[in-house]
Amino acid sequence: MSRRCELTGKGVLTGNNVSHAHNKTRRRYLPNLQNVSLLSETLGISIRVRVATSAVRTVEHIGGLDTFLLKSRNIHLSPNMRRLKKRVKEAQSAA
């Protein structure tokens, strides 16, 4: 399982630890990933995803998982979320 948010694509960043003597050693900045259940109102199902906490706040701010998926670009989404986005589009166009 990769350390990447399924909704925003946020991943691991790298940088340096810098000591008082200004010695530099490489380090990794890991995203704060959580397993959460998000509700798709259009499909009427709950989806379990591994997302960053910032993505959870963004989804709530925008108005739900469905609107977030429809507004987001496919390059940031995981393959599972791209399939879900397609299902949501089809369900909304059918209704």
PDB file of N, CA and C in Angstrom:
ATOM      1  N   MET A   1       0.845  -1.174   0.000  1.00  0.00           N
ATOM      2  CA  MET A   1       0.000   0.000   0.000  1.00  0.00           C
ATOM      3  C   MET A   1       0.891   1.239   0.000  1.00  0.00           C
ATOM      4  N   SER A   2       0.724   2.069  -1.014  1.00  0.00           N
ATOM      5  CA  SER A   2       1.569   3.251  -1.122  1.00  0.00           C
ATOM      6  C   SER A   2       1.111   4.343  -0.158  1.00  0.00           C
ATOM      7  N   ARG A   3       2.014   5.213   0.182  1.00  0.00           N
ATOM      8  CA  ARG A   3       1.702   6.333   1.067  1.00  0.00           C
ATOM      9  C   ARG A   3       1.239   7.512   0.220  1.00  0.00           C
ATOM     10  N   ARG A   4       0.036   7.367  -0.355  1.00  0.00           N
ATOM     11  CA  ARG A   4      -0.508   8.390  -1.235  1.00  0.00           C
ATOM     12  C   ARG A   4      -2.003   8.509  -0.985  1.00  0.00           C
ATOM     13  N   CYS A   5      -2.470   9.752  -0.911  1.00  0.00           N
ATOM     14  CA  CYS A   5      -3.888  10.024  -0.708  1.00  0.00           C
ATOM     15  C   CYS A   5      -4.654   9.646  -1.972  1.00  0.00           C
ATOM     16  N   GLU A   6      -5.773   8.926  -1.823  1.00  0.00           N
ATOM     17  CA  GLU A   6      -6.541   8.481  -2.974  1.00  0.00           C
ATOM     18  C   GLU A   6      -7.328   9.609  -3.633  1.00  0.00           C
ATOM     19  N   LEU A   7      -7.570  10.692  -2.920  1.00  0.00           N
ATOM     20  CA  LEU A   7      -8.361  11.787  -3.476  1.00  0.00           C
ATOM     21  C   LEU A   7      -7.522  12.930  -4.009  1.00  0.00           C
ATOM     22  N   THR A   8      -6.481  13.320  -3.300  1.00  0.00           N
ATOM     23  CA  THR A   8      -5.706  14.482  -3.724  1.00  0.00           C
ATOM     24  C   THR A   8      -4.366  14.120  -4.354  1.00  0.00           C
ATOM     25  N   GLY A   9      -3.903  12.895  -4.174  1.00  0.00           N
ATOM     26  CA  GLY A   9      -2.617  12.493  -4.719  1.00  0.00           C
ATOM     27  C   GLY A   9      -1.444  12.942  -3.873  1.00  0.00           C
ATOM     28  N   LYS A  10      -1.718  13.486  -2.688  1.00  0.00           N
ATOM     29  CA  LYS A  10      -0.642  13.943  -1.811  1.00  0.00           C
ATOM     30  C   LYS A  10       0.209  12.746  -1.394  1.00  0.00           C
ATOM     31  N   GLY A  11       1.530  12.882  -1.495  1.00  0.00           N
ATOM     32  CA  GLY A  11       2.429  11.771  -1.198  1.00  0.00           C
ATOM     33  C   GLY A  11       3.584  12.194  -0.316  1.00  0.00           C
ATOM     34  N   VAL A  12       4.603  11.347  -0.269  1.00  0.00           N
ATOM     35  CA  VAL A  12       5.775  11.571   0.562  1.00  0.00           C
ATOM     36  C   VAL A  12       6.651  12.661  -0.042  1.00  0.00           C
ATOM     37  N   LEU A  13       7.116  13.574   0.797  1.00  0.00           N
ATOM     38  CA  LEU A  13       8.074  14.601   0.392  1.00  0.00           C
ATOM     39  C   LEU A  13       9.401  14.317   1.082  1.00  0.00           C
ATOM     40  N   THR A  14      10.499  14.814   0.521  1.00  0.00           N
ATOM     41  CA  THR A  14      11.807  14.607   1.129  1.00  0.00           C
ATOM     42  C   THR A  14      12.438  15.952   1.433  1.00  0.00           C
ATOM     43  N   GLY A  15      13.344  15.929   2.407  1.00  0.00           N
ATOM     44  CA  GLY A  15      14.030  17.149   2.802  1.00  0.00           C
ATOM     45  C   GLY A  15      15.241  16.797   3.646  1.00  0.00           C
ATOM     46  N   ASN A  16      15.676  17.750   4.437  1.00  0.00           N
ATOM     47  CA  ASN A  16      16.860  17.556   5.271  1.00  0.00           C
ATOM     48  C   ASN A  16      16.544  17.807   6.738  1.00  0.00           C
ATOM     49  N   ASN A  17      17.139  16.991   7.623  1.00  0.00           N
ATOM     50  CA  ASN A  17      17.258  17.346   9.023  1.00  0.00           C
ATOM     51  C   ASN A  17      18.504  18.212   9.121  1.00  0.00           C
ATOM     52  N   VAL A  18      18.408  19.351   9.757  1.00  0.00           N
ATOM     53  CA  VAL A  18      19.558  20.243   9.880  1.00  0.00           C
ATOM     54  C   VAL A  18      19.873  20.395  11.361  1.00  0.00           C
ATOM     55  N   SER A  19      21.071  19.953  11.754  1.00  0.00           N
ATOM     56  CA  SER A  19      21.466  20.018  13.158  1.00  0.00           C
ATOM     57  C   SER A  19      21.951  21.419  13.515  1.00  0.00           C
ATOM     58  N   HIS A  20      22.228  21.625  14.800  1.00  0.00           N
ATOM     59  CA  HIS A  20      22.740  22.911  15.258  1.00  0.00           C
ATOM     60  C   HIS A  20      24.089  23.222  14.611  1.00  0.00           C
ATOM     61  N   ALA A  21      24.873  22.160  14.330  1.00  0.00           N
ATOM     62  CA  ALA A  21      26.168  22.332  13.668  1.00  0.00           C
ATOM     63  C   ALA A  21      26.014  22.438  12.147  1.00  0.00           C
ATOM     64  N   HIS A  22      24.772  22.496  11.683  1.00  0.00           N
ATOM     65  CA  HIS A  22      24.413  22.634  10.278  1.00  0.00           C
ATOM     66  C   HIS A  22      24.772  21.406   9.443  1.00  0.00           C
ATOM     67  N   ASN A  23      24.817  20.223  10.086  1.00  0.00           N
ATOM     68  CA  ASN A  23      24.964  18.970   9.346  1.00  0.00           C
ATOM     69  C   ASN A  23      23.603  18.629   8.749  1.00  0.00           C
ATOM     70  N   LYS A  24      23.610  18.160   7.515  1.00  0.00           N
ATOM     71  CA  LYS A  24      22.352  17.837   6.839  1.00  0.00           C
ATOM     72  C   LYS A  24      22.269  16.339   6.601  1.00  0.00           C
ATOM     73  N   THR A  25      21.146  15.750   7.018  1.00  0.00           N
ATOM     74  CA  THR A  25      20.864  14.348   6.726  1.00  0.00           C
ATOM     75  C   THR A  25      19.478  14.268   6.111  1.00  0.00           C
ATOM     76  N   ARG A  26      19.301  13.347   5.176  1.00  0.00           N
ATOM     77  CA  ARG A  26      18.036  13.232   4.456  1.00  0.00           C
ATOM     78  C   ARG A  26      16.937  12.696   5.367  1.00  0.00           C
ATOM     79  N   ARG A  27      15.715  13.152   5.138  1.00  0.00           N
ATOM     80  CA  ARG A  27      14.560  12.669   5.889  1.00  0.00           C
ATOM     81  C   ARG A  27      13.349  12.660   4.978  1.00  0.00           C
ATOM     82  N   ARG A  28      12.276  12.029   5.454  1.00  0.00           N
ATOM     83  CA  ARG A  28      11.027  11.933   4.695  1.00  0.00           C
ATOM     84  C   ARG A  28       9.910  12.595   5.493  1.00  0.00           C
ATOM     85  N   TYR A  29       9.087  13.367   4.789  1.00  0.00           N
ATOM     86  CA  TYR A  29       7.890  13.965   5.380  1.00  0.00           C
ATOM     87  C   TYR A  29       6.703  13.138   4.895  1.00  0.00           C
ATOM     88  N   LEU A  30       6.061  12.409   5.812  1.00  0.00           N
ATOM     89  CA  LEU A  30       4.957  11.538   5.442  1.00  0.00           C
ATOM     90  C   LEU A  30       3.627  12.266   5.576  1.00  0.00           C
ATOM     91  N   PRO A  31       2.700  12.031   4.646  1.00  0.00           N
ATOM     92  CA  PRO A  31       1.375  12.649   4.762  1.00  0.00           C
ATOM     93  C   PRO A  31       0.587  11.979   5.884  1.00  0.00           C
ATOM     94  N   ASN A  32      -0.342  12.710   6.481  1.00  0.00           N
ATOM     95  CA  ASN A  32      -1.172  12.185   7.565  1.00  0.00           C
ATOM     96  C   ASN A  32      -2.350  11.440   6.947  1.00  0.00           C
ATOM     97  N   LEU A  33      -2.137  10.155   6.648  1.00  0.00           N
ATOM     98  CA  LEU A  33      -3.168   9.349   5.996  1.00  0.00           C
ATOM     99  C   LEU A  33      -4.025   8.624   7.025  1.00  0.00           C
ATOM    100  N   GLN A  34      -5.327   8.608   6.779  1.00  0.00           N
ATOM    101  CA  GLN A  34      -6.288   7.943   7.652  1.00  0.00           C
ATOM    102  C   GLN A  34      -7.236   7.109   6.805  1.00  0.00           C
ATOM    103  N   ASN A  35      -7.703   5.991   7.370  1.00  0.00           N
ATOM    104  CA  ASN A  35      -8.736   5.189   6.724  1.00  0.00           C
ATOM    105  C   ASN A  35     -10.086   5.725   7.181  1.00  0.00           C
ATOM    106  N   VAL A  36     -10.891   6.205   6.240  1.00  0.00           N
ATOM    107  CA  VAL A  36     -12.186   6.786   6.580  1.00  0.00           C
ATOM    108  C   VAL A  36     -13.261   6.225   5.649  1.00  0.00           C
ATOM    109  N   SER A  37     -14.505   6.322   6.087  1.00  0.00           N
ATOM    110  CA  SER A  37     -15.653   5.970   5.255  1.00  0.00           C
ATOM    111  C   SER A  37     -16.328   7.261   4.819  1.00  0.00           C
ATOM    112  N   LEU A  38     -16.481   7.435   3.529  1.00  0.00           N
ATOM    113  CA  LEU A  38     -17.145   8.607   2.978  1.00  0.00           C
ATOM    114  C   LEU A  38     -18.412   8.159   2.273  1.00  0.00           C
ATOM    115  N   LEU A  39     -19.483   8.925   2.433  1.00  0.00           N
ATOM    116  CA  LEU A  39     -20.782   8.578   1.880  1.00  0.00           C
ATOM    117  C   LEU A  39     -20.967   9.221   0.512  1.00  0.00           C
ATOM    118  N   SER A  40     -21.323   8.406  -0.466  1.00  0.00           N
ATOM    119  CA  SER A  40     -21.715   8.908  -1.780  1.00  0.00           C
ATOM    120  C   SER A  40     -23.228   9.020  -1.774  1.00  0.00           C
ATOM    121  N   GLU A  41     -23.728  10.258  -1.785  1.00  0.00           N
ATOM    122  CA  GLU A  41     -25.171  10.474  -1.709  1.00  0.00           C
ATOM    123  C   GLU A  41     -25.870  10.054  -2.992  1.00  0.00           C
ATOM    124  N   THR A  42     -25.219  10.231  -4.139  1.00  0.00           N
ATOM    125  CA  THR A  42     -25.817   9.859  -5.412  1.00  0.00           C
ATOM    126  C   THR A  42     -26.006   8.352  -5.519  1.00  0.00           C
ATOM    127  N   LEU A  43     -24.965   7.592  -5.123  1.00  0.00           N
ATOM    128  CA  LEU A  43     -25.033   6.140  -5.219  1.00  0.00           C
ATOM    129  C   LEU A  43     -25.674   5.507  -3.990  1.00  0.00           C
ATOM    130  N   GLY A  44     -25.710   6.228  -2.874  1.00  0.00           N
ATOM    131  CA  GLY A  44     -26.296   5.708  -1.649  1.00  0.00           C
ATOM    132  C   GLY A  44     -25.454   4.651  -0.972  1.00  0.00           C
ATOM    133  N   ILE A  45     -24.126   4.722  -1.153  1.00  0.00           N
ATOM    134  CA  ILE A  45     -23.233   3.742  -0.534  1.00  0.00           C
ATOM    135  C   ILE A  45     -22.121   4.461   0.209  1.00  0.00           C
ATOM    136  N   SER A  46     -21.488   3.726   1.111  1.00  0.00           N
ATOM    137  CA  SER A  46     -20.360   4.240   1.872  1.00  0.00           C
ATOM    138  C   SER A  46     -19.081   3.647   1.289  1.00  0.00           C
ATOM    139  N   ILE A  47     -18.071   4.471   1.079  1.00  0.00           N
ATOM    140  CA  ILE A  47     -16.813   4.066   0.462  1.00  0.00           C
ATOM    141  C   ILE A  47     -15.700   4.185   1.503  1.00  0.00           C
ATOM    142  N   ARG A  48     -14.910   3.106   1.673  1.00  0.00           N
ATOM    143  CA  ARG A  48     -13.752   3.173   2.564  1.00  0.00           C
ATOM    144  C   ARG A  48     -12.530   3.554   1.739  1.00  0.00           C
ATOM    145  N   VAL A  49     -11.874   4.650   2.129  1.00  0.00           N
ATOM    146  CA  VAL A  49     -10.710   5.143   1.394  1.00  0.00           C
ATOM    147  C   VAL A  49      -9.608   5.537   2.366  1.00  0.00           C
ATOM    148  N   ARG A  50      -8.387   5.580   1.843  1.00  0.00           N
ATOM    149  CA  ARG A  50      -7.235   6.026   2.631  1.00  0.00           C
ATOM    150  C   ARG A  50      -6.861   7.409   2.130  1.00  0.00           C
ATOM    151  N   VAL A  51      -7.174   8.427   2.925  1.00  0.00           N
ATOM    152  CA  VAL A  51      -6.988   9.802   2.487  1.00  0.00           C
ATOM    153  C   VAL A  51      -6.250  10.607   3.546  1.00  0.00           C
ATOM    154  N   ALA A  52      -5.697  11.724   3.116  1.00  0.00           N
ATOM    155  CA  ALA A  52      -5.055  12.663   4.028  1.00  0.00           C
ATOM    156  C   ALA A  52      -6.130  13.418   4.804  1.00  0.00           C
ATOM    157  N   THR A  53      -5.808  13.845   6.004  1.00  0.00           N
ATOM    158  CA  THR A  53      -6.776  14.577   6.816  1.00  0.00           C
ATOM    159  C   THR A  53      -7.163  15.889   6.153  1.00  0.00           C
ATOM    160  N   SER A  54      -6.247  16.486   5.414  1.00  0.00           N
ATOM    161  CA  SER A  54      -6.581  17.716   4.690  1.00  0.00           C
ATOM    162  C   SER A  54      -7.624  17.437   3.614  1.00  0.00           C
ATOM    163  N   ALA A  55      -7.581  16.259   3.016  1.00  0.00           N
ATOM    164  CA  ALA A  55      -8.575  15.908   1.994  1.00  0.00           C
ATOM    165  C   ALA A  55      -9.955  15.719   2.618  1.00  0.00           C
ATOM    166  N   VAL A  56     -10.013  15.178   3.833  1.00  0.00           N
ATOM    167  CA  VAL A  56     -11.300  15.008   4.516  1.00  0.00           C
ATOM    168  C   VAL A  56     -11.930  16.373   4.765  1.00  0.00           C
ATOM    169  N   ARG A  57     -11.129  17.337   5.212  1.00  0.00           N
ATOM    170  CA  ARG A  57     -11.637  18.694   5.439  1.00  0.00           C
ATOM    171  C   ARG A  57     -12.107  19.323   4.131  1.00  0.00           C
ATOM    172  N   THR A  58     -11.360  19.100   3.054  1.00  0.00           N
ATOM    173  CA  THR A  58     -11.733  19.661   1.762  1.00  0.00           C
ATOM    174  C   THR A  58     -13.040  19.068   1.262  1.00  0.00           C
ATOM    175  N   VAL A  59     -13.211  17.755   1.410  1.00  0.00           N
ATOM    176  CA  VAL A  59     -14.447  17.099   0.980  1.00  0.00           C
ATOM    177  C   VAL A  59     -15.632  17.671   1.745  1.00  0.00           C
ATOM    178  N   GLU A  60     -15.493  17.855   3.050  1.00  0.00           N
ATOM    179  CA  GLU A  60     -16.580  18.413   3.855  1.00  0.00           C
ATOM    180  C   GLU A  60     -16.855  19.870   3.473  1.00  0.00           C
ATOM    181  N   HIS A  61     -15.811  20.620   3.167  1.00  0.00           N
ATOM    182  CA  HIS A  61     -15.975  22.036   2.818  1.00  0.00           C
ATOM    183  C   HIS A  61     -16.696  22.192   1.480  1.00  0.00           C
ATOM    184  N   ILE A  62     -16.349  21.343   0.507  1.00  0.00           N
ATOM    185  CA  ILE A  62     -16.946  21.440  -0.824  1.00  0.00           C
ATOM    186  C   ILE A  62     -18.394  20.981  -0.808  1.00  0.00           C
ATOM    187  N   GLY A  63     -18.739  20.040   0.056  1.00  0.00           N
ATOM    188  CA  GLY A  63     -20.140  19.626   0.127  1.00  0.00           C
ATOM    189  C   GLY A  63     -20.367  18.146  -0.070  1.00  0.00           C
ATOM    190  N   GLY A  64     -19.358  17.342   0.078  1.00  0.00           N
ATOM    191  CA  GLY A  64     -19.545  15.899  -0.016  1.00  0.00           C
ATOM    192  C   GLY A  64     -18.622  15.260  -1.039  1.00  0.00           C
ATOM    193  N   LEU A  65     -18.593  13.944  -0.996  1.00  0.00           N
ATOM    194  CA  LEU A  65     -17.695  13.171  -1.859  1.00  0.00           C
ATOM    195  C   LEU A  65     -18.051  13.331  -3.332  1.00  0.00           C
ATOM    196  N   ASP A  66     -19.338  13.328  -3.652  1.00  0.00           N
ATOM    197  CA  ASP A  66     -19.751  13.397  -5.054  1.00  0.00           C
ATOM    198  C   ASP A  66     -19.315  14.698  -5.717  1.00  0.00           C
ATOM    199  N   THR A  67     -19.541  15.818  -5.066  1.00  0.00           N
ATOM    200  CA  THR A  67     -19.145  17.102  -5.655  1.00  0.00           C
ATOM    201  C   THR A  67     -17.627  17.228  -5.725  1.00  0.00           C
ATOM    202  N   PHE A  68     -16.931  16.675  -4.724  1.00  0.00           N
ATOM    203  CA  PHE A  68     -15.466  16.710  -4.755  1.00  0.00           C
ATOM    204  C   PHE A  68     -14.947  15.934  -5.954  1.00  0.00           C
ATOM    205  N   LEU A  69     -15.490  14.735  -6.182  1.00  0.00           N
ATOM    206  CA  LEU A  69     -15.031  13.919  -7.308  1.00  0.00           C
ATOM    207  C   LEU A  69     -15.315  14.592  -8.641  1.00  0.00           C
ATOM    208  N   LEU A  70     -16.496  15.197  -8.773  1.00  0.00           N
ATOM    209  CA  LEU A  70     -16.855  15.815 -10.043  1.00  0.00           C
ATOM    210  C   LEU A  70     -16.006  17.048 -10.339  1.00  0.00           C
ATOM    211  N   LYS A  71     -15.541  17.744  -9.311  1.00  0.00           N
ATOM    212  CA  LYS A  71     -14.712  18.934  -9.514  1.00  0.00           C
ATOM    213  C   LYS A  71     -13.231  18.608  -9.676  1.00  0.00           C
ATOM    214  N   SER A  72     -12.786  17.440  -9.208  1.00  0.00           N
ATOM    215  CA  SER A  72     -11.355  17.136  -9.205  1.00  0.00           C
ATOM    216  C   SER A  72     -10.906  16.595 -10.561  1.00  0.00           C
ATOM    217  N   ARG A  73      -9.628  16.753 -10.847  1.00  0.00           N
ATOM    218  CA  ARG A  73      -9.034  16.265 -12.088  1.00  0.00           C
ATOM    219  C   ARG A  73      -8.655  14.797 -11.922  1.00  0.00           C
ATOM    220  N   ASN A  74      -8.737  14.049 -12.996  1.00  0.00           N
ATOM    221  CA  ASN A  74      -8.484  12.611 -12.941  1.00  0.00           C
ATOM    222  C   ASN A  74      -7.033  12.266 -12.600  1.00  0.00           C
ATOM    223  N   ILE A  75      -6.089  13.138 -12.930  1.00  0.00           N
ATOM    224  CA  ILE A  75      -4.686  12.808 -12.670  1.00  0.00           C
ATOM    225  C   ILE A  75      -4.385  12.739 -11.178  1.00  0.00           C
ATOM    226  N   HIS A  76      -5.181  13.428 -10.340  1.00  0.00           N
ATOM    227  CA  HIS A  76      -4.954  13.402  -8.902  1.00  0.00           C
ATOM    228  C   HIS A  76      -5.630  12.204  -8.235  1.00  0.00           C
ATOM    229  N   LEU A  77      -6.611  11.605  -8.902  1.00  0.00           N
ATOM    230  CA  LEU A  77      -7.390  10.533  -8.295  1.00  0.00           C
ATOM    231  C   LEU A  77      -6.738   9.172  -8.528  1.00  0.00           C
ATOM    232  N   SER A  78      -6.945   8.247  -7.577  1.00  0.00           N
ATOM    233  CA  SER A  78      -6.492   6.875  -7.747  1.00  0.00           C
ATOM    234  C   SER A  78      -7.414   6.184  -8.751  1.00  0.00           C
ATOM    235  N   PRO A  79      -7.002   5.051  -9.313  1.00  0.00           N
ATOM    236  CA  PRO A  79      -7.869   4.336 -10.265  1.00  0.00           C
ATOM    237  C   PRO A  79      -9.242   3.975  -9.680  1.00  0.00           C
ATOM    238  N   ASN A  80      -9.301   3.620  -8.401  1.00  0.00           N
ATOM    239  CA  ASN A  80     -10.592   3.307  -7.773  1.00  0.00           C
ATOM    240  C   ASN A  80     -11.489   4.537  -7.736  1.00  0.00           C
ATOM    241  N   MET A  81     -10.911   5.681  -7.436  1.00  0.00           N
ATOM    242  CA  MET A  81     -11.713   6.903  -7.361  1.00  0.00           C
ATOM    243  C   MET A  81     -12.140   7.369  -8.755  1.00  0.00           C
ATOM    244  N   ARG A  82     -11.333   7.084  -9.786  1.00  0.00           N
ATOM    245  CA  ARG A  82     -11.744   7.413 -11.156  1.00  0.00           C
ATOM    246  C   ARG A  82     -12.966   6.592 -11.554  1.00  0.00           C
ATOM    247  N   ARG A  83     -12.969   5.305 -11.189  1.00  0.00           N
ATOM    248  CA  ARG A  83     -14.128   4.459 -11.484  1.00  0.00           C
ATOM    249  C   ARG A  83     -15.359   4.951 -10.738  1.00  0.00           C
ATOM    250  N   LEU A  84     -15.171   5.344  -9.472  1.00  0.00           N
ATOM    251  CA  LEU A  84     -16.289   5.852  -8.683  1.00  0.00           C
ATOM    252  C   LEU A  84     -16.825   7.158  -9.287  1.00  0.00           C
ATOM    253  N   LYS A  85     -15.930   8.021  -9.742  1.00  0.00           N
ATOM    254  CA  LYS A  85     -16.337   9.282 -10.370  1.00  0.00           C
ATOM    255  C   LYS A  85     -17.187   9.001 -11.611  1.00  0.00           C
ATOM    256  N   LYS A  86     -16.780   8.004 -12.402  1.00  0.00           N
ATOM    257  CA  LYS A  86     -17.538   7.641 -13.592  1.00  0.00           C
ATOM    258  C   LYS A  86     -18.919   7.124 -13.226  1.00  0.00           C
ATOM    259  N   ARG A  87     -19.012   6.306 -12.151  1.00  0.00           N
ATOM    260  CA  ARG A  87     -20.307   5.789 -11.701  1.00  0.00           C
ATOM    261  C   ARG A  87     -21.200   6.917 -11.226  1.00  0.00           C
ATOM    262  N   VAL A  88     -20.636   7.891 -10.528  1.00  0.00           N
ATOM    263  CA  VAL A  88     -21.420   9.026 -10.023  1.00  0.00           C
ATOM    264  C   VAL A  88     -21.954   9.856 -11.190  1.00  0.00           C
ATOM    265  N   LYS A  89     -21.102  10.109 -12.201  1.00  0.00           N
ATOM    266  CA  LYS A  89     -21.538  10.858 -13.379  1.00  0.00           C
ATOM    267  C   LYS A  89     -22.690  10.155 -14.084  1.00  0.00           C
ATOM    268  N   GLU A  90     -22.562   8.835 -14.250  1.00  0.00           N
ATOM    269  CA  GLU A  90     -23.607   8.068 -14.930  1.00  0.00           C
ATOM    270  C   GLU A  90     -24.911   8.094 -14.129  1.00  0.00           C
ATOM    271  N   ALA A  91     -24.811   7.972 -12.789  1.00  0.00           N
ATOM    272  CA  ALA A  91     -26.001   7.975 -11.954  1.00  0.00           C
ATOM    273  C   ALA A  91     -26.684   9.334 -11.980  1.00  0.00           C
ATOM    274  N   GLN A  92     -25.907  10.411 -12.011  1.00  0.00           N
ATOM    275  CA  GLN A  92     -26.501  11.747 -12.039  1.00  0.00           C
ATOM    276  C   GLN A  92     -27.133  12.057 -13.392  1.00  0.00           C
ATOM    277  N   SER A  93     -26.519  11.560 -14.465  1.00  0.00           N
ATOM    278  CA  SER A  93     -27.094  11.812 -15.784  1.00  0.00           C
ATOM    279  C   SER A  93     -28.364  10.982 -16.001  1.00  0.00           C
ATOM    280  N   ALA A  94     -28.456   9.810 -15.368  1.00  0.00           N
ATOM    281  CA  ALA A  94     -29.633   8.956 -15.497  1.00  0.00           C
ATOM    282  C   ALA A  94     -30.809   9.512 -14.690  1.00  0.00           C
ATOM    283  N   ALA A  95     -30.497  10.220 -13.611  1.00  0.00           N
ATOM    284  CA  ALA A  95     -31.569  10.726 -12.733  1.00  0.00           C
ATOM    285  C   ALA A  95     -32.201  12.003 -13.250  1.00  0.00           C
TER     286      ALA A  95
END
